[in-house]
Protein backbone atom coordinates (compact mmCIF):
# COMPACT_ATOMS: atom_id res chain seq x y z
CA UNK A 1 0.00 0.00 0.00
CA UNK A 2 1.42 3.37 -0.97
CA UNK A 3 1.45 6.31 1.41
CA UNK A 4 -1.02 9.12 0.92
CA UNK A 5 -0.13 12.72 0.17
CA UNK A 6 -2.53 13.73 2.98
CA UNK A 7 -0.46 11.84 5.57
CA UNK A 8 2.74 13.38 4.19
CA UNK A 9 1.24 16.88 4.45
CA UNK A 10 0.09 16.22 8.02
CA UNK A 11 3.60 15.08 9.03
CA UNK A 12 5.19 18.10 7.36
CA UNK A 13 2.76 20.40 9.16
CA UNK A 14 3.62 18.77 12.49
CA UNK A 15 7.34 19.28 11.82
CA UNK A 16 7.06 22.95 10.89
CA UNK A 17 9.35 25.03 11.27
CA UNK A 18 12.08 22.37 10.82
CA UNK A 19 13.69 22.42 7.38
CA UNK A 20 12.05 19.19 6.12
CA UNK A 21 12.12 18.18 2.48
CA UNK A 22 10.99 14.97 0.83
CA UNK A 23 11.42 12.84 -2.26
CA UNK A 24 8.75 10.52 -3.57
CA UNK A 25 10.13 7.03 -4.11
CA UNK A 26 7.99 4.13 -5.40
CA UNK A 27 4.80 5.33 -3.67
CA UNK A 28 6.52 6.24 -0.42
CA UNK A 29 8.34 9.37 0.80
CA UNK A 30 11.95 9.78 1.91
CA UNK A 31 12.33 12.57 4.50
CA UNK A 32 15.31 14.90 4.89
CA UNK A 33 16.11 17.51 7.52
CA UNK A 34 18.79 19.99 6.48
CA UNK A 35 19.69 17.59 3.63
CA UNK A 36 20.18 14.63 6.01
CA UNK A 37 18.06 11.56 5.19
CA UNK A 38 16.56 10.68 8.58
CA UNK A 39 13.57 8.51 7.70
CA UNK A 40 10.47 8.23 5.62
CA UNK A 41 6.81 7.61 5.34
CA UNK A 42 5.99 4.00 4.50
CA UNK A 43 2.40 2.74 4.32
CA UNK A 44 1.28 5.92 6.13
CA UNK A 45 3.71 5.28 9.00
CA UNK A 46 6.45 7.71 10.01
CA UNK A 47 9.68 5.76 10.46
CA UNK A 48 13.08 7.14 11.45
CA UNK A 49 16.53 5.60 11.24
CA UNK A 50 17.84 3.95 14.39
CA UNK A 51 20.67 5.92 16.01
CA UNK A 52 22.39 6.09 19.40
CA UNK A 53 20.76 9.49 19.89
CA UNK A 54 17.14 8.36 19.51
CA UNK A 55 17.08 4.98 21.24
CA UNK A 56 15.99 6.50 24.57
CA UNK A 57 12.48 7.18 23.22
CA UNK A 58 11.51 3.48 23.47
CA UNK A 59 10.05 3.35 19.97
CA UNK A 60 9.13 0.05 18.32
CA UNK A 61 11.29 -1.31 15.53
CA UNK A 62 9.54 -1.99 12.24
CA UNK A 63 10.45 -2.80 8.66
CA UNK A 64 9.64 -0.06 6.16
CA UNK A 65 9.38 -2.72 3.43
CA UNK A 66 10.44 -6.31 2.82
CA UNK A 67 14.22 -6.74 2.90
CA UNK A 68 14.98 -3.32 4.44
CA UNK A 69 16.80 -2.51 7.66
CA UNK A 70 14.59 -1.98 10.70
CA UNK A 71 13.64 1.56 11.64
CA UNK A 72 11.86 3.15 14.59
CA UNK A 73 8.12 3.77 14.30
CA UNK A 74 7.06 7.21 15.54
CA UNK A 75 3.55 6.62 16.89
CA UNK A 76 2.71 9.92 18.58
CA UNK A 77 2.93 12.35 15.68
CA UNK A 78 0.28 14.54 17.30
CA UNK A 79 2.80 15.63 19.95
CA UNK A 80 4.65 18.29 17.92
CA UNK A 81 7.33 19.05 20.50
CA UNK A 82 8.25 15.41 21.09
CA UNK A 83 8.19 14.74 17.34
CA UNK A 84 10.57 17.61 16.63
CA UNK A 85 12.86 16.45 19.44
CA UNK A 86 12.97 12.92 17.99
CA UNK A 87 13.78 14.22 14.50
CA UNK A 88 16.48 16.62 15.74
CA UNK A 89 18.11 13.88 17.83
CA UNK A 90 17.92 11.42 14.94
CA UNK A 91 19.59 13.87 12.55
CA UNK A 92 22.32 14.62 15.13
CA UNK A 93 23.04 10.90 15.37
CA UNK A 94 23.42 10.64 11.60
CA UNK A 95 25.98 13.43 11.24
PDB file of N, CA and C in Angstrom:
ATOM      1  N   UNK A   1       0.834  -1.177   0.000  1.00  0.00           N
ATOM      2  CA  UNK A   1       0.000   0.000   0.000  1.00  0.00           C
ATOM      3  C   UNK A   1       0.880   1.242   0.000  1.00  0.00           C
ATOM      4  N   UNK A   2       0.653   2.124  -0.894  1.00  0.00           N
ATOM      5  CA  UNK A   2       1.425   3.370  -0.973  1.00  0.00           C
ATOM      6  C   UNK A   2       0.931   4.367   0.074  1.00  0.00           C
ATOM      7  N   UNK A   3       1.811   5.267   0.453  1.00  0.00           N
ATOM      8  CA  UNK A   3       1.448   6.313   1.414  1.00  0.00           C
ATOM      9  C   UNK A   3       0.664   7.408   0.717  1.00  0.00           C
ATOM     10  N   UNK A   4      -0.186   8.069   1.485  1.00  0.00           N
ATOM     11  CA  UNK A   4      -1.023   9.125   0.921  1.00  0.00           C
ATOM     12  C   UNK A   4      -0.338  10.483   1.052  1.00  0.00           C
ATOM     13  N   UNK A   5      -0.645  11.351   0.130  1.00  0.00           N
ATOM     14  CA  UNK A   5      -0.133  12.718   0.167  1.00  0.00           C
ATOM     15  C   UNK A   5      -0.701  13.458   1.387  1.00  0.00           C
ATOM     16  N   UNK A   6      -1.926  13.113   1.799  1.00  0.00           N
ATOM     17  CA  UNK A   6      -2.528  13.729   2.981  1.00  0.00           C
ATOM     18  C   UNK A   6      -1.706  13.443   4.235  1.00  0.00           C
ATOM     19  N   UNK A   7      -1.258  12.192   4.390  1.00  0.00           N
ATOM     20  CA  UNK A   7      -0.456  11.843   5.568  1.00  0.00           C
ATOM     21  C   UNK A   7       0.888  12.570   5.520  1.00  0.00           C
ATOM     22  N   UNK A   8       1.494  12.635   4.355  1.00  0.00           N
ATOM     23  CA  UNK A   8       2.740  13.382   4.194  1.00  0.00           C
ATOM     24  C   UNK A   8       2.537  14.832   4.625  1.00  0.00           C
ATOM     25  N   UNK A   9       1.498  15.465   4.130  1.00  0.00           N
ATOM     26  CA  UNK A   9       1.237  16.876   4.451  1.00  0.00           C
ATOM     27  C   UNK A   9       1.012  17.069   5.945  1.00  0.00           C
ATOM     28  N   UNK A  10       0.312  16.138   6.577  1.00  0.00           N
ATOM     29  CA  UNK A  10       0.092  16.220   8.017  1.00  0.00           C
ATOM     30  C   UNK A  10       1.419  16.146   8.769  1.00  0.00           C
ATOM     31  N   UNK A  11       2.285  15.210   8.379  1.00  0.00           N
ATOM     32  CA  UNK A  11       3.600  15.078   9.030  1.00  0.00           C
ATOM     33  C   UNK A  11       4.429  16.342   8.836  1.00  0.00           C
ATOM     34  N   UNK A  12       4.428  16.886   7.634  1.00  0.00           N
ATOM     35  CA  UNK A  12       5.193  18.103   7.359  1.00  0.00           C
ATOM     36  C   UNK A  12       4.666  19.266   8.183  1.00  0.00           C
ATOM     37  N   UNK A  13       3.364  19.348   8.335  1.00  0.00           N
ATOM     38  CA  UNK A  13       2.761  20.403   9.155  1.00  0.00           C
ATOM     39  C   UNK A  13       3.184  20.253  10.617  1.00  0.00           C
ATOM     40  N   UNK A  14       3.215  19.033  11.111  1.00  0.00           N
ATOM     41  CA  UNK A  14       3.618  18.772  12.494  1.00  0.00           C
ATOM     42  C   UNK A  14       5.091  19.141  12.719  1.00  0.00           C
ATOM     43  N   UNK A  15       5.899  19.032  11.696  1.00  0.00           N
ATOM     44  CA  UNK A  15       7.336  19.278  11.817  1.00  0.00           C
ATOM     45  C   UNK A  15       7.738  20.718  11.487  1.00  0.00           C
ATOM     46  N   UNK A  16       6.784  21.544  11.147  1.00  0.00           N
ATOM     47  CA  UNK A  16       7.060  22.952  10.895  1.00  0.00           C
ATOM     48  C   UNK A  16       7.528  23.595  12.209  1.00  0.00           C
ATOM     49  N   UNK A  17       8.576  24.350  12.295  1.00  0.00           N
ATOM     50  CA  UNK A  17       9.348  25.025  11.267  1.00  0.00           C
ATOM     51  C   UNK A  17      10.673  24.343  10.911  1.00  0.00           C
ATOM     52  N   UNK A  18      10.848  23.047  11.221  1.00  0.00           N
ATOM     53  CA  UNK A  18      12.083  22.365  10.822  1.00  0.00           C
ATOM     54  C   UNK A  18      12.204  22.388   9.302  1.00  0.00           C
ATOM     55  N   UNK A  19      13.418  22.389   8.813  1.00  0.00           N
ATOM     56  CA  UNK A  19      13.688  22.415   7.375  1.00  0.00           C
ATOM     57  C   UNK A  19      13.572  20.996   6.814  1.00  0.00           C
ATOM     58  N   UNK A  20      12.325  20.545   6.601  1.00  0.00           N
ATOM     59  CA  UNK A  20      12.054  19.191   6.124  1.00  0.00           C
ATOM     60  C   UNK A  20      11.742  19.230   4.626  1.00  0.00           C
ATOM     61  N   UNK A  21      12.418  18.372   3.890  1.00  0.00           N
ATOM     62  CA  UNK A  21      12.119  18.183   2.476  1.00  0.00           C
ATOM     63  C   UNK A  21      11.849  16.697   2.260  1.00  0.00           C
ATOM     64  N   UNK A  22      11.304  16.369   1.107  1.00  0.00           N
ATOM     65  CA  UNK A  22      10.986  14.969   0.829  1.00  0.00           C
ATOM     66  C   UNK A  22      11.199  14.656  -0.639  1.00  0.00           C
ATOM     67  N   UNK A  23      11.355  13.354  -0.896  1.00  0.00           N
ATOM     68  CA  UNK A  23      11.417  12.844  -2.262  1.00  0.00           C
ATOM     69  C   UNK A  23      10.467  11.657  -2.344  1.00  0.00           C
ATOM     70  N   UNK A  24       9.647  11.652  -3.367  1.00  0.00           N
ATOM     71  CA  UNK A  24       8.751  10.517  -3.575  1.00  0.00           C
ATOM     72  C   UNK A  24       9.546   9.381  -4.197  1.00  0.00           C
ATOM     73  N   UNK A  25       9.378   8.189  -3.634  1.00  0.00           N
ATOM     74  CA  UNK A  25      10.128   7.034  -4.108  1.00  0.00           C
ATOM     75  C   UNK A  25       9.220   5.809  -4.092  1.00  0.00           C
ATOM     76  N   UNK A  26       8.784   5.360  -5.252  1.00  0.00           N
ATOM     77  CA  UNK A  26       7.989   4.134  -5.398  1.00  0.00           C
ATOM     78  C   UNK A  26       6.752   4.142  -4.489  1.00  0.00           C
ATOM     79  N   UNK A  27       6.032   5.250  -4.439  1.00  0.00           N
ATOM     80  CA  UNK A  27       4.800   5.331  -3.674  1.00  0.00           C
ATOM     81  C   UNK A  27       4.983   5.709  -2.216  1.00  0.00           C
ATOM     82  N   UNK A  28       6.214   5.858  -1.792  1.00  0.00           N
ATOM     83  CA  UNK A  28       6.519   6.242  -0.417  1.00  0.00           C
ATOM     84  C   UNK A  28       7.291   7.562  -0.450  1.00  0.00           C
ATOM     85  N   UNK A  29       7.662   8.080   0.725  1.00  0.00           N
ATOM     86  CA  UNK A  29       8.338   9.370   0.795  1.00  0.00           C
ATOM     87  C   UNK A  29       9.578   9.281   1.686  1.00  0.00           C
ATOM     88  N   UNK A  30      10.726   9.664   1.135  1.00  0.00           N
ATOM     89  CA  UNK A  30      11.954   9.783   1.913  1.00  0.00           C
ATOM     90  C   UNK A  30      11.985  11.177   2.514  1.00  0.00           C
ATOM     91  N   UNK A  31      12.344  11.284   3.796  1.00  0.00           N
ATOM     92  CA  UNK A  31      12.331  12.570   4.495  1.00  0.00           C
ATOM     93  C   UNK A  31      13.753  13.014   4.843  1.00  0.00           C
ATOM     94  N   UNK A  32      14.004  14.294   4.640  1.00  0.00           N
ATOM     95  CA  UNK A  32      15.307  14.900   4.894  1.00  0.00           C
ATOM     96  C   UNK A  32      15.125  16.103   5.811  1.00  0.00           C
ATOM     97  N   UNK A  33      16.068  16.300   6.705  1.00  0.00           N
ATOM     98  CA  UNK A  33      16.113  17.508   7.523  1.00  0.00           C
ATOM     99  C   UNK A  33      17.493  18.117   7.316  1.00  0.00           C
ATOM    100  N   UNK A  34      17.518  19.336   6.803  1.00  0.00           N
ATOM    101  CA  UNK A  34      18.791  19.995   6.478  1.00  0.00           C
ATOM    102  C   UNK A  34      19.661  19.097   5.602  1.00  0.00           C
ATOM    103  N   UNK A  35      19.036  18.469   4.617  1.00  0.00           N
ATOM    104  CA  UNK A  35      19.689  17.595   3.632  1.00  0.00           C
ATOM    105  C   UNK A  35      20.207  16.284   4.198  1.00  0.00           C
ATOM    106  N   UNK A  36      19.794  15.903   5.410  1.00  0.00           N
ATOM    107  CA  UNK A  36      20.181  14.626   6.006  1.00  0.00           C
ATOM    108  C   UNK A  36      18.967  13.692   5.935  1.00  0.00           C
ATOM    109  N   UNK A  37      19.129  12.550   5.278  1.00  0.00           N
ATOM    110  CA  UNK A  37      18.060  11.559   5.191  1.00  0.00           C
ATOM    111  C   UNK A  37      17.894  10.914   6.568  1.00  0.00           C
ATOM    112  N   UNK A  38      16.764  11.189   7.215  1.00  0.00           N
ATOM    113  CA  UNK A  38      16.559  10.682   8.575  1.00  0.00           C
ATOM    114  C   UNK A  38      15.464   9.626   8.663  1.00  0.00           C
ATOM    115  N   UNK A  39      14.653   9.491   7.632  1.00  0.00           N
ATOM    116  CA  UNK A  39      13.572   8.513   7.696  1.00  0.00           C
ATOM    117  C   UNK A  39      12.659   8.627   6.507  1.00  0.00           C
ATOM    118  N   UNK A  40      11.430   8.176   6.710  1.00  0.00           N
ATOM    119  CA  UNK A  40      10.475   8.234   5.621  1.00  0.00           C
ATOM    120  C   UNK A  40       9.078   7.877   6.061  1.00  0.00           C
ATOM    121  N   UNK A  41       8.193   7.998   5.122  1.00  0.00           N
ATOM    122  CA  UNK A  41       6.806   7.611   5.339  1.00  0.00           C
ATOM    123  C   UNK A  41       6.564   6.376   4.475  1.00  0.00           C
ATOM    124  N   UNK A  42       6.210   5.287   5.150  1.00  0.00           N
ATOM    125  CA  UNK A  42       5.993   4.001   4.497  1.00  0.00           C
ATOM    126  C   UNK A  42       4.633   3.471   4.939  1.00  0.00           C
ATOM    127  N   UNK A  43       3.742   3.229   4.007  1.00  0.00           N
ATOM    128  CA  UNK A  43       2.396   2.742   4.325  1.00  0.00           C
ATOM    129  C   UNK A  43       1.728   3.628   5.377  1.00  0.00           C
ATOM    130  N   UNK A  44       1.843   4.935   5.201  1.00  0.00           N
ATOM    131  CA  UNK A  44       1.282   5.922   6.130  1.00  0.00           C
ATOM    132  C   UNK A  44       1.763   5.714   7.564  1.00  0.00           C
ATOM    133  N   UNK A  45       3.050   5.375   7.693  1.00  0.00           N
ATOM    134  CA  UNK A  45       3.715   5.277   8.999  1.00  0.00           C
ATOM    135  C   UNK A  45       4.974   6.123   8.920  1.00  0.00           C
ATOM    136  N   UNK A  46       5.221   6.925   9.940  1.00  0.00           N
ATOM    137  CA  UNK A  46       6.447   7.709  10.006  1.00  0.00           C
ATOM    138  C   UNK A  46       7.514   6.864  10.681  1.00  0.00           C
ATOM    139  N   UNK A  47       8.575   6.555   9.939  1.00  0.00           N
ATOM    140  CA  UNK A  47       9.685   5.760  10.457  1.00  0.00           C
ATOM    141  C   UNK A  47      10.963   6.579  10.382  1.00  0.00           C
ATOM    142  N   UNK A  48      11.795   6.445  11.435  1.00  0.00           N
ATOM    143  CA  UNK A  48      13.079   7.140  11.454  1.00  0.00           C
ATOM    144  C   UNK A  48      14.202   6.118  11.615  1.00  0.00           C
ATOM    145  N   UNK A  49      15.368   6.479  11.115  1.00  0.00           N
ATOM    146  CA  UNK A  49      16.528   5.604  11.238  1.00  0.00           C
ATOM    147  C   UNK A  49      16.883   5.415  12.708  1.00  0.00           C
ATOM    148  N   UNK A  50      17.422   4.259  13.027  1.00  0.00           N
ATOM    149  CA  UNK A  50      17.842   3.950  14.389  1.00  0.00           C
ATOM    150  C   UNK A  50      19.240   4.516  14.610  1.00  0.00           C
ATOM    151  N   UNK A  51      19.370   5.339  15.658  1.00  0.00           N
ATOM    152  CA  UNK A  51      20.672   5.916  16.012  1.00  0.00           C
ATOM    153  C   UNK A  51      20.877   5.811  17.520  1.00  0.00           C
ATOM    154  N   UNK A  52      22.104   6.068  17.955  1.00  0.00           N
ATOM    155  CA  UNK A  52      22.386   6.093  19.399  1.00  0.00           C
ATOM    156  C   UNK A  52      21.695   7.262  20.084  1.00  0.00           C
ATOM    157  N   UNK A  53      21.343   8.286  19.314  1.00  0.00           N
ATOM    158  CA  UNK A  53      20.760   9.493  19.891  1.00  0.00           C
ATOM    159  C   UNK A  53      19.235   9.441  19.996  1.00  0.00           C
ATOM    160  N   UNK A  54      18.594   8.423  19.407  1.00  0.00           N
ATOM    161  CA  UNK A  54      17.138   8.359  19.510  1.00  0.00           C
ATOM    162  C   UNK A  54      16.632   7.073  20.153  1.00  0.00           C
ATOM    163  N   UNK A  55      17.532   6.247  20.669  1.00  0.00           N
ATOM    164  CA  UNK A  55      17.081   4.976  21.241  1.00  0.00           C
ATOM    165  C   UNK A  55      16.476   5.120  22.635  1.00  0.00           C
ATOM    166  N   UNK A  56      16.569   6.291  23.239  1.00  0.00           N
ATOM    167  CA  UNK A  56      15.994   6.503  24.570  1.00  0.00           C
ATOM    168  C   UNK A  56      14.491   6.771  24.526  1.00  0.00           C
ATOM    169  N   UNK A  57      13.915   6.900  23.347  1.00  0.00           N
ATOM    170  CA  UNK A  57      12.483   7.185  23.217  1.00  0.00           C
ATOM    171  C   UNK A  57      11.614   5.919  23.254  1.00  0.00           C
ATOM    172  N   UNK A  58      12.236   4.762  23.363  1.00  0.00           N
ATOM    173  CA  UNK A  58      11.512   3.482  23.473  1.00  0.00           C
ATOM    174  C   UNK A  58      10.496   3.281  22.352  1.00  0.00           C
ATOM    175  N   UNK A  59      10.915   3.550  21.127  1.00  0.00           N
ATOM    176  CA  UNK A  59      10.048   3.350  19.968  1.00  0.00           C
ATOM    177  C   UNK A  59      10.174   1.906  19.483  1.00  0.00           C
ATOM    178  N   UNK A  60       9.120   1.407  18.869  1.00  0.00           N
ATOM    179  CA  UNK A  60       9.126   0.053  18.320  1.00  0.00           C
ATOM    180  C   UNK A  60       9.914   0.009  17.017  1.00  0.00           C
ATOM    181  N   UNK A  61      10.589  -1.096  16.789  1.00  0.00           N
ATOM    182  CA  UNK A  61      11.292  -1.310  15.529  1.00  0.00           C
ATOM    183  C   UNK A  61      10.341  -1.947  14.525  1.00  0.00           C
ATOM    184  N   UNK A  62      10.361  -1.428  13.302  1.00  0.00           N
ATOM    185  CA  UNK A  62       9.536  -1.986  12.236  1.00  0.00           C
ATOM    186  C   UNK A  62      10.303  -1.952  10.928  1.00  0.00           C
ATOM    187  N   UNK A  63       9.872  -2.783  10.003  1.00  0.00           N
ATOM    188  CA  UNK A  63      10.445  -2.795   8.658  1.00  0.00           C
ATOM    189  C   UNK A  63       9.664  -1.828   7.781  1.00  0.00           C
ATOM    190  N   UNK A  64      10.360  -0.941   7.076  1.00  0.00           N
ATOM    191  CA  UNK A  64       9.642  -0.056   6.157  1.00  0.00           C
ATOM    192  C   UNK A  64       9.071  -0.833   4.958  1.00  0.00           C
ATOM    193  N   UNK A  65       9.803  -1.853   4.534  1.00  0.00           N
ATOM    194  CA  UNK A  65       9.377  -2.717   3.431  1.00  0.00           C
ATOM    195  C   UNK A  65      10.211  -3.989   3.495  1.00  0.00           C
ATOM    196  N   UNK A  66       9.768  -5.011   2.802  1.00  0.00           N
ATOM    197  CA  UNK A  66      10.442  -6.308   2.821  1.00  0.00           C
ATOM    198  C   UNK A  66      11.899  -6.185   2.414  1.00  0.00           C
ATOM    199  N   UNK A  67      12.795  -6.725   3.217  1.00  0.00           N
ATOM    200  CA  UNK A  67      14.216  -6.740   2.897  1.00  0.00           C
ATOM    201  C   UNK A  67      14.985  -5.508   3.354  1.00  0.00           C
ATOM    202  N   UNK A  68      14.318  -4.553   3.990  1.00  0.00           N
ATOM    203  CA  UNK A  68      14.977  -3.319   4.443  1.00  0.00           C
ATOM    204  C   UNK A  68      15.503  -3.492   5.871  1.00  0.00           C
ATOM    205  N   UNK A  69      16.335  -2.550   6.280  1.00  0.00           N
ATOM    206  CA  UNK A  69      16.797  -2.508   7.665  1.00  0.00           C
ATOM    207  C   UNK A  69      15.664  -1.980   8.539  1.00  0.00           C
ATOM    208  N   UNK A  70      15.624  -2.451   9.783  1.00  0.00           N
ATOM    209  CA  UNK A  70      14.595  -1.983  10.705  1.00  0.00           C
ATOM    210  C   UNK A  70      14.788  -0.504  11.008  1.00  0.00           C
ATOM    211  N   UNK A  71      13.650   0.144  11.278  1.00  0.00           N
ATOM    212  CA  UNK A  71      13.639   1.557  11.645  1.00  0.00           C
ATOM    213  C   UNK A  71      12.705   1.716  12.841  1.00  0.00           C
ATOM    214  N   UNK A  72      12.773   2.876  13.484  1.00  0.00           N
ATOM    215  CA  UNK A  72      11.861   3.149  14.589  1.00  0.00           C
ATOM    216  C   UNK A  72      10.552   3.737  14.069  1.00  0.00           C
ATOM    217  N   UNK A  73       9.447   3.247  14.613  1.00  0.00           N
ATOM    218  CA  UNK A  73       8.119   3.774  14.301  1.00  0.00           C
ATOM    219  C   UNK A  73       7.802   4.912  15.264  1.00  0.00           C
ATOM    220  N   UNK A  74       7.478   6.073  14.723  1.00  0.00           N
ATOM    221  CA  UNK A  74       7.058   7.210  15.541  1.00  0.00           C
ATOM    222  C   UNK A  74       5.538   7.167  15.598  1.00  0.00           C
ATOM    223  N   UNK A  75       5.003   6.786  16.743  1.00  0.00           N
ATOM    224  CA  UNK A  75       3.550   6.623  16.885  1.00  0.00           C
ATOM    225  C   UNK A  75       2.840   7.935  17.187  1.00  0.00           C
ATOM    226  N   UNK A  76       3.402   8.730  18.088  1.00  0.00           N
ATOM    227  CA  UNK A  76       2.706   9.923  18.576  1.00  0.00           C
ATOM    228  C   UNK A  76       3.085  11.142  17.746  1.00  0.00           C
ATOM    229  N   UNK A  77       2.591  11.200  16.519  1.00  0.00           N
ATOM    230  CA  UNK A  77       2.932  12.346  15.677  1.00  0.00           C
ATOM    231  C   UNK A  77       2.077  13.565  15.998  1.00  0.00           C
ATOM    232  N   UNK A  78       1.097  13.401  16.875  1.00  0.00           N
ATOM    233  CA  UNK A  78       0.281  14.543  17.301  1.00  0.00           C
ATOM    234  C   UNK A  78       1.016  15.431  18.303  1.00  0.00           C
ATOM    235  N   UNK A  79       2.013  14.881  18.983  1.00  0.00           N
ATOM    236  CA  UNK A  79       2.796  15.630  19.952  1.00  0.00           C
ATOM    237  C   UNK A  79       3.943  16.329  19.208  1.00  0.00           C
ATOM    238  N   UNK A  80       3.696  17.563  18.768  1.00  0.00           N
ATOM    239  CA  UNK A  80       4.652  18.287  17.921  1.00  0.00           C
ATOM    240  C   UNK A  80       6.016  18.447  18.570  1.00  0.00           C
ATOM    241  N   UNK A  81       6.045  18.801  19.843  1.00  0.00           N
ATOM    242  CA  UNK A  81       7.328  19.049  20.503  1.00  0.00           C
ATOM    243  C   UNK A  81       8.161  17.776  20.605  1.00  0.00           C
ATOM    244  N   UNK A  82       7.536  16.681  21.005  1.00  0.00           N
ATOM    245  CA  UNK A  82       8.249  15.408  21.090  1.00  0.00           C
ATOM    246  C   UNK A  82       8.702  14.962  19.702  1.00  0.00           C
ATOM    247  N   UNK A  83       7.848  15.118  18.710  1.00  0.00           N
ATOM    248  CA  UNK A  83       8.185  14.737  17.342  1.00  0.00           C
ATOM    249  C   UNK A  83       9.410  15.502  16.844  1.00  0.00           C
ATOM    250  N   UNK A  84       9.416  16.800  17.052  1.00  0.00           N
ATOM    251  CA  UNK A  84      10.566  17.611  16.629  1.00  0.00           C
ATOM    252  C   UNK A  84      11.832  17.177  17.353  1.00  0.00           C
ATOM    253  N   UNK A  85      11.706  16.892  18.647  1.00  0.00           N
ATOM    254  CA  UNK A  85      12.861  16.445  19.439  1.00  0.00           C
ATOM    255  C   UNK A  85      13.419  15.138  18.885  1.00  0.00           C
ATOM    256  N   UNK A  86      12.531  14.198  18.554  1.00  0.00           N
ATOM    257  CA  UNK A  86      12.967  12.915  17.990  1.00  0.00           C
ATOM    258  C   UNK A  86      13.705  13.136  16.674  1.00  0.00           C
ATOM    259  N   UNK A  87      13.159  13.977  15.811  1.00  0.00           N
ATOM    260  CA  UNK A  87      13.783  14.223  14.504  1.00  0.00           C
ATOM    261  C   UNK A  87      15.139  14.900  14.677  1.00  0.00           C
ATOM    262  N   UNK A  88      15.208  15.912  15.515  1.00  0.00           N
ATOM    263  CA  UNK A  88      16.477  16.625  15.745  1.00  0.00           C
ATOM    264  C   UNK A  88      17.527  15.663  16.291  1.00  0.00           C
ATOM    265  N   UNK A  89      17.154  14.830  17.265  1.00  0.00           N
ATOM    266  CA  UNK A  89      18.115  13.884  17.825  1.00  0.00           C
ATOM    267  C   UNK A  89      18.521  12.804  16.828  1.00  0.00           C
ATOM    268  N   UNK A  90      17.591  12.391  15.980  1.00  0.00           N
ATOM    269  CA  UNK A  90      17.920  11.416  14.939  1.00  0.00           C
ATOM    270  C   UNK A  90      18.925  12.000  13.956  1.00  0.00           C
ATOM    271  N   UNK A  91      18.684  13.216  13.506  1.00  0.00           N
ATOM    272  CA  UNK A  91      19.589  13.870  12.554  1.00  0.00           C
ATOM    273  C   UNK A  91      20.974  14.056  13.180  1.00  0.00           C
ATOM    274  N   UNK A  92      21.013  14.452  14.438  1.00  0.00           N
ATOM    275  CA  UNK A  92      22.317  14.621  15.126  1.00  0.00           C
ATOM    276  C   UNK A  92      23.083  13.301  15.139  1.00  0.00           C
ATOM    277  N   UNK A  93      22.380  12.198  15.340  1.00  0.00           N
ATOM    278  CA  UNK A  93      23.038  10.902  15.367  1.00  0.00           C
ATOM    279  C   UNK A  93      23.518  10.417  14.013  1.00  0.00           C
ATOM    280  N   UNK A  94      23.022  11.039  12.963  1.00  0.00           N
ATOM    281  CA  UNK A  94      23.421  10.640  11.599  1.00  0.00           C
ATOM    282  C   UNK A  94      24.556  11.490  11.035  1.00  0.00           C
ATOM    283  N   UNK A  95      24.913  12.535  11.734  1.00  0.00           N
ATOM    284  CA  UNK A  95      25.978  13.426  11.238  1.00  0.00           C
ATOM    285  C   UNK A  95      27.344  12.849  11.514  1.00  0.00           C
TER     286      UNK A  95
END
